[in-house]
Amino acid sequence: MRNLACFFAHLFYTNVLDWKVMNCMVLTEEETTANSRIFIKILMQEIANNMGMKVFVAKMDEVQPESLFPTDSVENCRFSINFFTSIGLGAVTEKMRE
């Protein structure tokens, strides 16, 4: 799973794969399993490590994958904020916190 997540991360940060594909990943407590959250964790950390945090945050602000940063309910929003904060990428949730 780690190798696959690193592969997809490489495709994203080299712009081979369109960033709109991230809308296929849904980050809610009901829609994810422990394995899918681990995959998303490795994917996002790998992208952030290779792009740099500032560039990564700017790219995520530009793309705004609604499925990863849900605002449809308070519970889903809180889950996403807590997830990204726990993996060390809380900077991408600044707009959600507002």
Protein backbone atom coordinates (compact mmCIF):
# COMPACT_ATOMS: atom_id res chain seq x y z
CA MET A 1 0.00 0.00 0.00
CA ARG A 2 2.89 2.35 0.80
CA ASN A 3 4.48 1.80 -2.61
CA LEU A 4 1.19 2.42 -4.38
CA ALA A 5 0.57 5.61 -2.40
CA CYS A 6 4.10 6.81 -3.19
CA PHE A 7 3.54 6.03 -6.87
CA PHE A 8 0.33 8.05 -7.00
CA ALA A 9 1.98 10.86 -5.04
CA HIS A 10 4.73 10.96 -7.65
CA LEU A 11 2.11 11.18 -10.40
CA PHE A 12 0.42 14.09 -8.63
CA TYR A 13 3.47 16.21 -7.77
CA THR A 14 4.95 15.76 -11.24
CA ASN A 15 1.56 16.83 -12.72
CA VAL A 16 1.20 13.63 -14.73
CA LEU A 17 -2.13 12.96 -13.04
CA ASP A 18 -4.71 15.74 -13.00
CA TRP A 19 -5.34 17.06 -9.48
CA LYS A 20 -9.10 16.89 -10.06
CA VAL A 21 -8.77 13.12 -9.61
CA MET A 22 -8.55 13.80 -5.87
CA ASN A 23 -12.29 14.41 -5.93
CA CYS A 24 -12.70 10.62 -6.17
CA MET A 25 -11.32 10.22 -2.63
CA VAL A 26 -13.98 10.81 0.01
CA LEU A 27 -12.71 11.59 3.51
CA THR A 28 -15.53 11.03 5.97
CA GLU A 29 -15.78 8.65 8.88
CA GLU A 30 -18.57 6.67 7.23
CA GLU A 31 -16.94 6.38 3.79
CA THR A 32 -13.42 5.41 4.83
CA THR A 33 -11.78 2.43 6.45
CA ALA A 34 -8.54 2.33 8.41
CA ASN A 35 -6.70 1.16 5.29
CA SER A 36 -8.05 3.91 3.08
CA ARG A 37 -7.14 6.53 5.68
CA ILE A 38 -3.60 5.12 5.83
CA PHE A 39 -3.39 5.33 2.03
CA ILE A 40 -4.57 8.96 2.05
CA LYS A 41 -2.13 9.75 4.87
CA ILE A 42 0.88 8.33 3.00
CA LEU A 43 -0.25 9.96 -0.25
CA MET A 44 -0.67 13.43 1.22
CA GLN A 45 2.51 13.30 3.31
CA GLU A 46 4.53 12.14 0.31
CA ILE A 47 3.14 14.94 -1.89
CA ALA A 48 3.81 17.54 0.82
CA ASN A 49 7.35 16.26 1.41
CA ASN A 50 8.23 16.41 -2.28
CA MET A 51 6.52 19.68 -3.15
CA GLY A 52 7.20 21.54 0.06
CA MET A 53 4.49 22.56 2.48
CA LYS A 54 3.90 26.07 1.09
CA VAL A 55 3.53 24.86 -2.49
CA PHE A 56 1.35 21.95 -1.35
CA VAL A 57 -0.99 24.23 0.62
CA ALA A 58 -1.22 26.61 -2.34
CA LYS A 59 -2.03 23.73 -4.69
CA MET A 60 -4.69 22.33 -2.38
CA ASP A 61 -6.24 25.82 -2.06
CA GLU A 62 -6.29 26.05 -5.84
CA VAL A 63 -7.75 22.58 -6.43
CA GLN A 64 -10.09 22.46 -3.39
CA PRO A 65 -11.15 18.81 -3.59
CA GLU A 66 -14.53 19.01 -1.84
CA SER A 67 -14.48 15.29 -1.11
CA LEU A 68 -11.28 15.59 0.96
CA PHE A 69 -12.36 18.80 2.67
CA PRO A 70 -16.12 18.30 3.16
CA THR A 71 -18.20 21.19 4.42
CA ASP A 72 -21.59 19.49 4.13
CA SER A 73 -21.82 18.79 7.86
CA VAL A 74 -19.98 19.82 11.01
CA GLU A 75 -19.04 16.21 11.77
CA ASN A 76 -17.45 15.63 8.35
CA CYS A 77 -15.64 18.96 8.49
CA ARG A 78 -14.31 18.23 11.97
CA PHE A 79 -13.23 14.72 10.93
CA SER A 80 -11.26 16.10 7.98
CA ILE A 81 -9.62 18.82 10.08
CA ASN A 82 -8.66 16.31 12.78
CA PHE A 83 -7.34 13.86 10.19
CA PHE A 84 -5.05 16.36 8.46
CA THR A 85 -3.91 17.83 11.77
CA SER A 86 -3.05 14.39 13.15
CA ILE A 87 -0.87 13.56 10.14
CA GLY A 88 1.01 16.86 10.38
CA LEU A 89 -0.72 18.64 7.50
CA GLY A 90 -3.08 20.89 9.42
CA ALA A 91 -2.01 23.87 7.32
CA VAL A 92 -4.24 22.71 4.46
CA THR A 93 -7.33 23.04 6.66
CA GLU A 94 -6.96 26.74 7.51
CA LYS A 95 -9.91 27.76 5.31
CA MET A 96 -12.10 25.03 6.83
CA ARG A 97 -11.30 26.23 10.34
CA GLU A 98 -12.67 29.67 9.52
